[in-house]
Protein backbone atom coordinates (compact mmCIF):
# COMPACT_ATOMS: atom_id res chain seq x y z
CA MET A 1 62.52 -19.31 65.09
CA ALA A 2 61.13 -22.48 63.54
CA SER A 3 57.44 -22.96 63.16
CA ILE A 4 56.01 -26.20 64.51
CA THR A 5 52.98 -27.48 62.66
CA ALA A 6 50.68 -30.38 63.32
CA PRO A 7 51.05 -33.43 61.08
CA ALA A 8 48.58 -33.90 58.27
CA SER A 9 45.23 -35.18 59.38
CA PRO A 10 44.40 -38.86 58.72
CA LEU A 11 41.57 -37.83 56.41
CA LYS A 12 43.91 -35.72 54.29
CA PHE A 13 46.45 -38.57 54.20
CA THR A 14 43.73 -41.02 53.12
CA GLY A 15 42.64 -38.66 50.36
CA ILE A 16 46.18 -38.25 49.06
CA LEU A 17 46.69 -42.03 49.13
CA PHE A 18 43.45 -42.60 47.23
CA VAL A 19 44.45 -40.10 44.53
CA LYS A 20 47.87 -41.76 44.18
CA LEU A 21 46.28 -45.22 43.89
CA ALA A 22 43.83 -43.98 41.26
CA THR A 23 46.65 -42.32 39.32
CA GLY A 24 48.69 -45.51 39.47
CA ALA A 25 45.76 -47.55 38.20
CA LEU A 26 45.34 -45.08 35.33
CA PHE A 27 49.05 -45.34 34.44
CA LEU A 28 48.79 -49.13 34.43
CA PHE A 29 45.63 -49.04 32.32
CA LEU A 30 47.42 -46.88 29.76
CA LEU A 31 50.44 -49.19 29.79
CA ASN A 32 48.22 -52.23 29.24
CA SER A 33 46.30 -50.44 26.48
CA PHE A 34 49.38 -49.51 24.47
CA SER A 35 51.54 -52.58 25.13
CA GLY A 36 49.05 -55.31 24.26
CA ASP A 37 50.66 -55.82 20.84
CA TYR A 38 53.99 -56.58 22.51
CA GLY A 39 52.68 -59.20 24.92
CA LEU A 40 53.08 -57.05 28.02
CA HIS A 41 50.32 -57.07 30.62
CA VAL A 42 50.79 -55.81 34.17
CA PRO A 43 47.85 -56.72 36.41
CA ILE A 44 46.06 -53.83 38.07
CA ASN A 45 45.68 -54.50 41.79
CA PHE A 46 46.34 -52.66 45.04
CA VAL A 47 50.08 -53.37 45.15
CA THR A 48 50.86 -52.53 41.53
CA SER A 49 48.67 -49.42 41.68
CA ALA A 50 50.47 -48.29 44.84
CA VAL A 51 53.90 -48.79 43.25
CA ALA A 52 52.87 -46.97 40.09
CA GLY A 53 51.12 -44.18 41.99
CA ILE A 54 53.87 -43.50 44.48
CA LEU A 55 56.83 -43.87 42.10
CA GLY A 56 55.11 -42.46 39.02
CA VAL A 57 56.44 -43.24 35.56
CA ALA A 58 59.56 -44.85 37.05
CA GLY A 59 57.33 -47.26 38.97
CA VAL A 60 55.39 -48.17 35.83
CA ALA A 61 58.67 -48.80 34.01
CA ALA A 62 59.93 -50.93 36.89
CA LEU A 63 56.74 -53.00 36.89
CA ALA A 64 57.04 -53.49 33.12
CA VAL A 65 60.65 -54.63 33.47
CA ILE A 66 59.73 -57.01 36.27
CA GLN A 67 56.87 -58.41 34.21
CA LEU A 68 59.00 -58.87 31.08
CA TRP A 69 62.28 -60.14 32.51
CA LEU A 70 61.59 -61.71 35.87
CA ILE A 71 58.12 -63.16 35.56
CA GLY A 72 58.20 -63.82 31.82
């Protein structure tokens, strides 16, 4: 018999989202700190922090590739 549980509360979801955004901003800060010599700078804003926080290291790499090859 399957157990039916209530979905996560909005407060818990907001907390998880905030932690992911903060983690993404930290990843981007570290990227910008170590890649300054190579001319790479990814701006830290809500969208880039969300991508980096949700996708993790793969998101940071994708943002770096987009910044280098597409935006220039």
